[in-house]
């Protein structure tokens, strides 16, 4: 069956962005996918603004410190430390909101979607707003740039160095965590290096740390400057040398390309296609923009087998709804509660491997919540869903903890207390309604469904009609939209 421009372009907008915006609906049938992709690239050309969410309290405290040593020597009582942690958490929440706003409203949809992908790839949790801001800036600036450049900047970021314990990696007492994850999760994949490569790589990264302000620091006295053998090469390597040797391996291009293919194209990997893409990615010197153009501008990307096959992540789902139905939450906490309840909170990945994605987004509780969200947004529903538990210490790796003996039970109780409040949202329907002004009444439901769904499965119109308000054309469009957004097929893109 021949696919229309609208279906192809909606496919592109969901994969290369966070779904079509309401003001774009009328144009999706007028242009071919290559034209739309060029517009996405142009919209992402400019350098992103630095997102700064640090509180005035933290600014005053941290700017008065010249280095880590002075902060470590400063005597802080329990209340002061608690205050700093609270301010950092609040600032990270504000950073979450700032970036969420960019995802919804920015014309740089391609850049923000790629940065969101890298946010999961270079998964990092750190209770330091300055570290998180700098890491996010690295990902957004390099999202469509050179992977090698981004890898090196991430590897020297205070957020990642601290998260992966490289401040503990010192001469004669190496810590292998950072070196291992750089290879296993960021570049080569498990099975493409040896344990000795981990040990030798860790020696090369000794002395890599950062100061309180987040600047990279090389502690020469803590660096092992002896000869090392890594991935078959020998020399007096430092961390930069190790990263260059890794990038010389075609396996790095293959690993990144396959992960990008699974995320943006299809969970079912076409190995021949990935190999060809990886070849070009490697030859192009890890140019991310060229790789994405090869994918999004290729006719094969728009084959039926690739359309409507991915389960939207919670961030994609929430953001996509906001792009189609412009809205304002009465409180930022409402949006945070949704992220937590659905299991994906920005800056809080479950572990160093990031969010697994795919079918892991769906279970009996989250599917029902996902389908309920459109009605909640419209009805001022009471939000009383227990969020998926977040454990700052264990990073979600221990699911068998006894909630009667640890902080998890207390945490859940506090969140539930905050959540039992109306989810008050104001939806601006004006622009959305205009898109259907010229559509005949008998074609409205089909037209609305075609604008919202990517799934091959048709929604039963008789079922939808049972819950539609026919009292006016406006109410018909509003209620039909919310009902279609509430069907399982809307979970796919």
Protein backbone atom coordinates (compact mmCIF):
# COMPACT_ATOMS: atom_id res chain seq x y z
CA UNK A 1 0.00 0.00 0.00
CA UNK A 2 1.36 3.42 -0.99
CA UNK A 3 1.98 5.63 2.04
CA UNK A 4 0.89 9.25 1.99
CA UNK A 5 3.19 12.19 2.60
CA UNK A 6 1.35 12.84 5.84
CA UNK A 7 2.01 9.37 7.25
CA UNK A 8 5.67 9.49 6.19
CA UNK A 9 6.16 12.95 7.65
CA UNK A 10 4.42 12.07 10.90
CA UNK A 11 6.75 9.06 11.08
CA UNK A 12 9.73 11.38 10.57
CA UNK A 13 8.51 13.91 13.12
CA UNK A 14 8.06 11.23 15.79
CA UNK A 15 11.44 9.61 15.18
CA UNK A 16 13.55 12.71 14.45
CA UNK A 17 11.67 14.80 17.02
CA UNK A 18 8.92 14.54 19.60
CA UNK A 19 6.01 14.33 17.19
CA UNK A 20 4.29 16.94 15.00
CA UNK A 21 3.38 20.28 16.53
CA UNK A 22 -0.19 21.44 16.12
CA UNK A 23 0.84 24.27 13.78
CA UNK A 24 2.53 21.76 11.45
CA UNK A 25 -0.46 19.49 10.88
CA UNK A 26 -1.71 21.32 7.81
CA UNK A 27 1.69 21.17 6.09
CA UNK A 28 2.54 17.50 6.52
CA UNK A 29 0.67 16.45 3.38
CA UNK A 30 2.14 19.23 1.22
CA UNK A 31 5.83 18.28 1.32
CA UNK A 32 7.83 15.11 0.83
CA UNK A 33 9.90 13.64 3.64
CA UNK A 34 13.21 14.91 2.24
CA UNK A 35 11.94 18.48 2.29
CA UNK A 36 10.69 18.09 5.84
CA UNK A 37 13.99 16.59 6.95
CA UNK A 38 15.90 19.53 5.46
CA UNK A 39 13.68 21.84 7.49
CA UNK A 40 14.44 19.82 10.64
CA UNK A 41 18.18 20.09 9.98
CA UNK A 42 17.93 23.84 9.37
CA UNK A 43 15.96 24.26 12.59
CA UNK A 44 18.76 22.56 14.51
CA UNK A 45 21.67 24.47 12.96
CA UNK A 46 22.14 27.05 15.70
CA UNK A 47 24.13 26.53 18.87
CA UNK A 48 21.83 25.77 21.81
CA UNK A 49 21.56 28.18 24.70
CA UNK A 50 23.16 26.98 27.92
CA UNK A 51 20.44 25.87 30.32
CA UNK A 52 21.21 27.28 33.77
CA UNK A 53 18.95 26.18 36.63
CA UNK A 54 21.27 26.57 39.63
CA UNK A 55 19.67 28.39 42.55
CA UNK A 56 20.97 31.71 43.85
CA UNK A 57 21.89 29.96 47.09
CA UNK A 58 24.16 27.47 45.30
CA UNK A 59 25.61 30.16 43.05
CA UNK A 60 26.65 32.16 46.07
CA UNK A 61 28.11 29.15 47.83
CA UNK A 62 30.00 27.57 44.92
CA UNK A 63 31.35 30.76 43.38
CA UNK A 64 33.00 31.55 46.68
CA UNK A 65 35.01 28.34 46.50
CA UNK A 66 38.23 28.30 44.50
CA UNK A 67 38.75 24.57 44.49
CA UNK A 68 37.57 21.26 45.90
CA UNK A 69 40.06 21.48 48.75
CA UNK A 70 38.51 24.62 50.17
CA UNK A 71 35.04 23.08 50.06
CA UNK A 72 36.30 19.91 51.71
CA UNK A 73 37.94 21.95 54.48
CA UNK A 74 34.85 24.05 55.05
CA UNK A 75 33.04 22.79 58.09
CA UNK A 76 29.43 22.09 57.28
CA UNK A 77 26.98 20.90 59.87
CA UNK A 78 24.21 18.41 59.12
CA UNK A 79 21.64 21.12 58.44
CA UNK A 80 23.93 22.92 55.97
CA UNK A 81 24.64 19.72 54.08
CA UNK A 82 20.93 18.93 54.00
CA UNK A 83 20.23 22.41 52.64
CA UNK A 84 22.82 21.96 49.86
CA UNK A 85 21.32 18.62 48.86
CA UNK A 86 17.82 20.09 48.82
CA UNK A 87 18.95 23.02 46.69
CA UNK A 88 20.70 20.70 44.25
CA UNK A 89 17.63 18.48 43.92
CA UNK A 90 15.39 21.47 43.36
CA UNK A 91 17.80 22.91 40.79
CA UNK A 92 17.95 19.60 38.92
CA UNK A 93 14.14 19.55 38.91
CA UNK A 94 14.22 23.04 37.39
CA UNK A 95 16.75 21.89 34.80
CA UNK A 96 14.36 19.05 33.98
CA UNK A 97 11.59 21.61 33.38
CA UNK A 98 13.82 23.86 31.25
CA UNK A 99 14.83 20.98 29.00
CA UNK A 100 11.28 19.62 28.86
CA UNK A 101 10.16 23.05 27.65
CA UNK A 102 12.80 22.94 24.90
CA UNK A 103 11.60 19.49 23.82
CA UNK A 104 8.04 20.76 23.49
CA UNK A 105 8.60 24.18 21.99
CA UNK A 106 11.99 24.35 20.29
CA UNK A 107 12.24 24.42 16.50
CA UNK A 108 15.45 22.40 16.98
CA UNK A 109 13.50 19.16 17.29
CA UNK A 110 16.20 17.04 15.65
CA UNK A 111 18.91 18.34 17.97
CA UNK A 112 16.82 17.90 21.12
CA UNK A 113 15.75 14.38 20.12
CA UNK A 114 19.36 13.40 19.44
CA UNK A 115 20.44 14.97 22.75
CA UNK A 116 17.71 12.94 24.46
CA UNK A 117 19.10 9.78 22.84
CA UNK A 118 22.64 10.62 24.04
CA UNK A 119 21.22 11.39 27.50
CA UNK A 120 20.24 7.72 27.69
CA UNK A 121 23.45 6.49 26.04
CA UNK A 122 25.75 8.45 28.37
CA UNK A 123 23.51 7.73 31.36
CA UNK A 124 24.64 9.63 34.42
CA UNK A 125 23.21 10.52 37.81
CA UNK A 126 24.86 13.15 39.93
CA UNK A 127 23.49 15.35 42.70
CA UNK A 128 25.40 18.41 41.56
CA UNK A 129 23.48 20.85 39.38
CA UNK A 130 26.63 22.34 37.86
CA UNK A 131 27.91 18.93 36.78
CA UNK A 132 24.53 18.01 35.27
CA UNK A 133 24.19 21.33 33.44
CA UNK A 134 27.62 20.98 31.87
CA UNK A 135 27.00 17.40 30.78
CA UNK A 136 23.66 18.33 29.23
CA UNK A 137 25.35 21.20 27.39
CA UNK A 138 27.94 18.77 25.98
CA UNK A 139 25.20 16.48 24.71
CA UNK A 140 23.11 19.25 23.16
CA UNK A 141 26.09 20.99 21.49
CA UNK A 142 27.47 17.76 20.05
CA UNK A 143 24.18 15.96 19.42
CA UNK A 144 24.59 16.11 15.63
CA UNK A 145 28.33 16.76 15.57
CA UNK A 146 31.28 14.40 15.90
CA UNK A 147 30.88 11.37 18.14
CA UNK A 148 34.59 11.29 18.97
CA UNK A 149 34.51 14.91 20.14
CA UNK A 150 31.44 14.25 22.27
CA UNK A 151 32.95 11.07 23.73
CA UNK A 152 36.06 12.96 24.82
CA UNK A 153 34.08 15.84 26.32
CA UNK A 154 31.77 13.46 28.18
CA UNK A 155 34.76 11.45 29.41
CA UNK A 156 36.30 14.60 30.86
CA UNK A 157 33.08 15.89 32.38
CA UNK A 158 32.87 16.18 36.15
CA UNK A 159 29.47 14.45 36.07
CA UNK A 160 30.75 11.28 34.41
CA UNK A 161 34.12 11.15 36.15
CA UNK A 162 32.42 11.32 39.53
CA UNK A 163 29.54 9.05 38.62
CA UNK A 164 31.94 6.32 37.46
CA UNK A 165 34.33 6.83 40.38
CA UNK A 166 37.35 7.94 38.40
CA UNK A 167 38.30 10.40 41.15
CA UNK A 168 39.33 7.21 42.98
CA UNK A 169 41.46 6.02 40.04
CA UNK A 170 45.03 6.70 41.13
CA UNK A 171 48.51 5.39 40.43
CA UNK A 172 49.16 2.10 42.26
CA UNK A 173 45.45 1.98 43.25
CA UNK A 174 43.51 1.93 39.96
CA UNK A 175 39.71 1.93 39.87
CA UNK A 176 38.49 0.09 36.76
CA UNK A 177 34.89 1.29 36.71
CA UNK A 178 35.31 4.23 34.34
CA UNK A 179 37.49 2.37 31.82
CA UNK A 180 35.11 -0.61 31.79
CA UNK A 181 31.96 1.43 31.16
CA UNK A 182 33.62 3.55 28.47
CA UNK A 183 34.17 0.36 26.48
CA UNK A 184 31.14 -1.72 27.46
CA UNK A 185 28.41 0.91 27.32
CA UNK A 186 29.74 3.91 25.40
CA UNK A 187 31.84 2.57 22.53
CA UNK A 188 32.55 -1.12 21.88
CA UNK A 189 29.98 -3.29 23.62
CA UNK A 190 30.56 -6.31 25.80
CA UNK A 191 32.75 -9.04 24.33
CA UNK A 192 34.87 -6.72 22.20
CA UNK A 193 37.65 -6.16 24.72
CA UNK A 194 39.44 -8.22 27.35
CA UNK A 195 39.75 -7.88 31.11
CA UNK A 196 43.39 -6.96 30.57
CA UNK A 197 42.24 -4.12 28.29
CA UNK A 198 40.11 -2.88 31.19
CA UNK A 199 43.08 -2.98 33.57
CA UNK A 200 45.42 -1.27 31.11
CA UNK A 201 42.80 1.32 30.20
CA UNK A 202 42.18 2.11 33.86
CA UNK A 203 45.91 2.80 34.32
CA UNK A 204 45.75 5.30 31.45
CA UNK A 205 42.82 7.17 33.02
CA UNK A 206 44.54 7.57 36.40
CA UNK A 207 44.72 11.19 37.49
CA UNK A 208 41.59 12.25 35.57
CA UNK A 209 39.32 14.20 37.91
CA UNK A 210 37.46 17.51 38.19
CA UNK A 211 37.15 20.43 40.57
CA UNK A 212 34.08 21.69 42.38
CA UNK A 213 33.14 24.03 39.54
CA UNK A 214 33.16 21.10 37.10
CA UNK A 215 36.43 21.86 35.30
CA UNK A 216 38.51 18.89 34.18
CA UNK A 217 41.69 18.43 36.22
CA UNK A 218 44.65 16.21 35.37
CA UNK A 219 46.50 15.24 38.54
CA UNK A 220 49.88 14.37 37.11
CA UNK A 221 51.21 12.92 40.37
CA UNK A 222 48.32 10.44 40.45
CA UNK A 223 48.86 9.33 36.83
CA UNK A 224 50.50 6.02 35.95
CA UNK A 225 52.96 7.02 33.24
CA UNK A 226 54.26 3.50 32.65
CA UNK A 227 53.94 1.57 29.39
CA UNK A 228 50.57 -0.04 28.69
CA UNK A 229 49.22 -2.50 26.12
CA UNK A 230 45.64 -1.77 25.09
CA UNK A 231 43.63 -3.39 22.27
CA UNK A 232 46.85 -4.69 20.75
CA UNK A 233 48.78 -1.42 20.87
CA UNK A 234 51.58 -0.55 23.30
CA UNK A 235 52.89 2.76 24.56
CA UNK A 236 52.93 5.27 27.38
CA UNK A 237 49.22 5.95 26.94
CA UNK A 238 47.05 8.51 28.73
CA UNK A 239 43.26 8.72 28.66
CA UNK A 240 43.10 10.62 25.36
CA UNK A 241 45.25 7.94 23.73
CA UNK A 242 42.90 5.24 24.96
CA UNK A 243 39.87 7.01 23.51
CA UNK A 244 41.65 7.48 20.18
CA UNK A 245 42.57 3.79 20.04
CA UNK A 246 38.95 2.88 20.74
CA UNK A 247 37.73 5.18 17.96
CA UNK A 248 40.20 3.53 15.59
CA UNK A 249 38.23 0.30 16.04
CA UNK A 250 35.49 -0.12 13.45
CA UNK A 251 33.57 -1.98 16.15
CA UNK A 252 32.94 1.38 17.84
CA UNK A 253 31.19 2.68 14.72
CA UNK A 254 29.24 -0.58 14.46
CA UNK A 255 28.18 -0.50 18.11
CA UNK A 256 26.94 3.11 17.96
CA UNK A 257 25.22 2.61 14.61
CA UNK A 258 23.33 -0.46 15.79
CA UNK A 259 22.15 1.33 18.92
CA UNK A 260 20.99 4.31 16.83
CA UNK A 261 19.23 1.96 14.39
CA UNK A 262 17.34 0.20 17.19
CA UNK A 263 16.32 3.51 18.74
CA UNK A 264 15.34 5.47 15.64
CA UNK A 265 14.40 2.79 13.10
CA UNK A 266 13.36 -0.59 14.44
CA UNK A 267 14.05 -2.92 17.37
CA UNK A 268 14.45 -5.67 14.78
CA UNK A 269 17.93 -4.99 13.41
CA UNK A 270 18.65 -5.31 9.70
CA UNK A 271 22.26 -6.44 10.05
CA UNK A 272 23.20 -5.75 6.43
CA UNK A 273 21.75 -2.26 6.61
CA UNK A 274 23.53 -1.54 9.91
CA UNK A 275 26.84 -2.75 8.51
CA UNK A 276 26.55 -0.43 5.51
CA UNK A 277 25.60 2.49 7.73
CA UNK A 278 28.47 1.70 10.11
CA UNK A 279 30.95 1.58 7.21
CA UNK A 280 29.94 5.07 6.13
CA UNK A 281 29.86 6.37 9.72
CA UNK A 282 33.41 5.13 10.21
CA UNK A 283 34.63 6.55 6.88
CA UNK A 284 32.99 9.90 7.69
CA UNK A 285 34.99 10.12 10.90
CA UNK A 286 31.99 9.56 13.22
CA UNK A 287 29.92 12.42 11.79
CA UNK A 288 26.57 11.97 13.55
CA UNK A 289 24.70 14.41 11.31
CA UNK A 290 25.69 12.50 8.17
CA UNK A 291 24.65 9.20 9.74
CA UNK A 292 21.23 10.55 10.66
CA UNK A 293 20.76 12.01 7.18
CA UNK A 294 21.59 8.62 5.70
CA UNK A 295 18.77 7.20 7.86
CA UNK A 296 16.07 9.87 7.78
CA UNK A 297 16.49 10.86 4.12
CA UNK A 298 16.58 7.26 2.89
CA UNK A 299 13.44 5.84 1.27
CA UNK A 300 13.95 2.56 3.15
CA UNK A 301 13.33 4.32 6.48
CA UNK A 302 9.72 4.91 5.37
CA UNK A 303 8.89 1.27 4.70
CA UNK A 304 5.72 0.07 6.43
CA UNK A 305 7.69 -2.33 8.63
CA UNK A 306 9.38 0.64 10.33
CA UNK A 307 6.26 2.76 10.94
CA UNK A 308 4.27 2.55 14.16
CA UNK A 309 6.50 -0.14 15.62
CA UNK A 310 8.20 1.66 18.52
CA UNK A 311 6.67 2.09 21.96
CA UNK A 312 6.95 5.74 22.92
CA UNK A 313 9.11 6.37 25.94
CA UNK A 314 7.36 8.29 28.74
CA UNK A 315 9.16 11.51 27.78
CA UNK A 316 8.18 11.05 24.13
CA UNK A 317 4.58 10.35 25.09
CA UNK A 318 4.20 13.33 27.44
CA UNK A 319 6.07 15.70 25.12
CA UNK A 320 4.18 14.57 22.03
CA UNK A 321 0.82 15.24 23.67
CA UNK A 322 1.95 18.74 24.66
CA UNK A 323 3.15 19.50 21.13
CA UNK A 324 -0.21 18.54 19.66
CA UNK A 325 -2.33 20.11 22.41
CA UNK A 326 -0.55 23.22 23.73
CA UNK A 327 -1.04 23.28 27.48
CA UNK A 328 0.18 24.81 30.68
CA UNK A 329 0.53 22.84 33.90
CA UNK A 330 -0.49 24.74 37.00
CA UNK A 331 2.63 23.42 38.76
CA UNK A 332 5.88 21.96 37.47
CA UNK A 333 5.56 19.21 40.06
CA UNK A 334 2.63 17.76 38.11
CA UNK A 335 4.89 17.13 35.12
CA UNK A 336 7.57 15.66 37.39
CA UNK A 337 4.98 13.34 38.93
CA UNK A 338 4.01 12.07 35.49
CA UNK A 339 7.63 11.32 34.61
CA UNK A 340 8.17 9.49 37.88
CA UNK A 341 4.96 7.48 37.65
CA UNK A 342 5.74 6.37 34.10
CA UNK A 343 9.31 5.41 34.99
CA UNK A 344 11.44 7.98 33.16
CA UNK A 345 12.64 11.09 34.96
CA UNK A 346 15.21 13.22 33.16
CA UNK A 347 18.63 13.15 34.88
CA UNK A 348 17.65 10.07 36.89
CA UNK A 349 18.41 7.00 34.74
CA UNK A 350 17.83 3.69 36.55
CA UNK A 351 21.48 2.65 36.22
CA UNK A 352 24.64 3.30 34.22
CA UNK A 353 23.18 1.45 31.21
CA UNK A 354 20.31 3.94 30.95
CA UNK A 355 16.68 3.11 30.21
CA UNK A 356 16.17 -0.25 28.51
CA UNK A 357 13.23 1.06 26.46
CA UNK A 358 11.04 -1.03 24.16
CA UNK A 359 8.58 -3.34 25.86
CA UNK A 360 10.03 -2.52 29.28
CA UNK A 361 7.99 0.69 29.19
CA UNK A 362 4.78 -1.30 29.35
CA UNK A 363 3.39 -3.33 32.21
CA UNK A 364 -0.12 -3.72 33.57
CA UNK A 365 0.04 -0.57 35.67
CA UNK A 366 1.93 1.76 33.34
CA UNK A 367 -0.21 0.88 30.30
CA UNK A 368 -3.39 1.80 32.14
CA UNK A 369 -1.81 5.04 33.36
CA UNK A 370 -0.55 5.90 29.87
CA UNK A 371 -4.05 5.42 28.43
CA UNK A 372 -5.54 7.51 31.23
CA UNK A 373 -3.25 10.52 30.82
CA UNK A 374 -5.26 12.40 28.14
CA UNK A 375 -8.39 12.20 30.29
CA UNK A 376 -6.43 13.29 33.36
CA UNK A 377 -5.11 16.33 31.53
CA UNK A 378 -8.62 17.38 30.52
CA UNK A 379 -10.63 16.47 33.62
CA UNK A 380 -8.46 17.82 36.44
CA UNK A 381 -8.22 14.25 37.66
CA UNK A 382 -6.68 13.50 41.05
CA UNK A 383 -3.21 12.14 40.46
CA UNK A 384 -2.82 9.32 42.98
CA UNK A 385 -0.47 6.90 41.27
CA UNK A 386 2.59 5.56 43.09
CA UNK A 387 5.67 6.39 41.01
CA UNK A 388 8.16 3.71 40.12
CA UNK A 389 10.62 3.60 43.01
CA UNK A 390 13.78 5.58 42.64
CA UNK A 391 16.83 4.63 44.68
CA UNK A 392 19.63 7.19 44.60
CA UNK A 393 22.08 4.80 46.21
CA UNK A 394 21.44 1.45 44.57
CA UNK A 395 20.55 2.97 41.18
CA UNK A 396 17.64 0.59 40.75
CA UNK A 397 19.90 -2.45 40.60
CA UNK A 398 18.40 -4.10 43.67
CA UNK A 399 14.69 -4.69 43.21
CA UNK A 400 14.35 -6.94 46.26
CA UNK A 401 14.88 -4.39 49.00
CA UNK A 402 12.60 -4.58 52.01
CA UNK A 403 10.56 -1.39 51.92
CA UNK A 404 9.79 -1.80 55.61
CA UNK A 405 13.46 -1.37 56.45
CA UNK A 406 14.71 1.32 54.11
CA UNK A 407 13.92 4.80 52.90
CA UNK A 408 11.86 3.60 49.91
CA UNK A 409 8.67 3.29 51.94
CA UNK A 410 9.10 6.79 53.33
CA UNK A 411 9.86 8.16 49.88
CA UNK A 412 6.74 6.56 48.37
CA UNK A 413 4.57 7.91 51.19
CA UNK A 414 5.86 11.45 50.67
CA UNK A 415 5.33 11.31 46.90
CA UNK A 416 1.86 9.83 47.27
CA UNK A 417 0.93 12.66 49.65
CA UNK A 418 2.10 15.21 47.07
CA UNK A 419 0.40 13.37 44.22
CA UNK A 420 -3.08 13.29 45.75
CA UNK A 421 -3.87 16.66 44.27
CA UNK A 422 -5.74 17.72 41.14
CA UNK A 423 -3.66 17.54 37.97
CA UNK A 424 -4.67 21.01 36.83
CA UNK A 425 -3.80 21.77 33.22
CA UNK A 426 -5.06 24.44 30.84
CA UNK A 427 -5.25 23.21 27.23
CA UNK A 428 -5.35 25.80 24.45
CA UNK A 429 -7.55 24.10 21.85
CA UNK A 430 -7.85 27.03 19.43
CA UNK A 431 -5.15 26.15 16.90
CA UNK A 432 -5.88 22.43 17.02
CA UNK A 433 -9.58 22.95 16.27
CA UNK A 434 -8.78 25.10 13.21
CA UNK A 435 -7.08 22.13 11.55
CA UNK A 436 -10.45 20.41 11.21
CA UNK A 437 -12.65 23.37 10.24
CA UNK A 438 -12.98 22.28 6.62
CA UNK A 439 -13.40 18.55 7.32
CA UNK A 440 -16.87 17.13 6.74
CA UNK A 441 -18.59 15.88 9.90
CA UNK A 442 -18.74 12.30 8.63
CA UNK A 443 -14.97 12.32 7.98
CA UNK A 444 -13.91 13.96 11.23
CA UNK A 445 -13.14 10.82 13.21
CA UNK A 446 -11.07 9.27 10.42
CA UNK A 447 -9.21 12.54 9.88
CA UNK A 448 -8.41 12.99 13.57
CA UNK A 449 -7.23 9.39 13.90
CA UNK A 450 -5.01 9.80 10.84
CA UNK A 451 -3.37 12.84 12.42
CA UNK A 452 -2.68 11.14 15.74
CA UNK A 453 -1.92 7.49 15.03
CA UNK A 454 0.96 5.73 13.29
CA UNK A 455 -0.18 2.18 14.01
CA UNK A 456 -1.29 -0.08 11.16
CA UNK A 457 -4.15 -1.32 13.33
CA UNK A 458 -7.36 0.61 12.79
CA UNK A 459 -9.22 1.87 15.81
CA UNK A 460 -12.82 0.67 16.12
CA UNK A 461 -14.87 3.82 15.33
CA UNK A 462 -17.99 2.44 16.97
CA UNK A 463 -16.12 2.05 20.25
CA UNK A 464 -14.75 5.59 20.09
CA UNK A 465 -18.15 7.06 19.23
CA UNK A 466 -19.62 5.70 22.45
CA UNK A 467 -17.56 8.24 24.42
CA UNK A 468 -17.75 11.25 22.10
CA UNK A 469 -19.67 14.39 23.00
CA UNK A 470 -21.92 15.23 20.01
CA UNK A 471 -23.43 18.36 21.53
CA UNK A 472 -21.32 20.57 19.22
CA UNK A 473 -18.67 20.23 16.53
CA UNK A 474 -16.06 21.63 18.91
CA UNK A 475 -16.92 19.14 21.64
CA UNK A 476 -16.91 16.34 19.08
CA UNK A 477 -13.33 17.17 18.00
CA UNK A 478 -12.11 17.61 21.57
CA UNK A 479 -13.59 14.40 22.95
CA UNK A 480 -12.69 12.36 19.86
CA UNK A 481 -9.09 13.57 20.15
CA UNK A 482 -8.82 12.64 23.82
CA UNK A 483 -10.41 9.23 23.21
CA UNK A 484 -8.03 8.43 20.34
CA UNK A 485 -5.07 9.51 22.46
CA UNK A 486 -6.33 7.05 25.06
CA UNK A 487 -6.24 3.94 22.86
CA UNK A 488 -3.29 1.49 22.96
CA UNK A 489 -2.37 2.36 19.37
CA UNK A 490 -1.42 5.89 20.45
CA UNK A 491 1.41 4.39 22.50
CA UNK A 492 3.21 3.52 19.26
CA UNK A 493 5.16 5.74 16.93
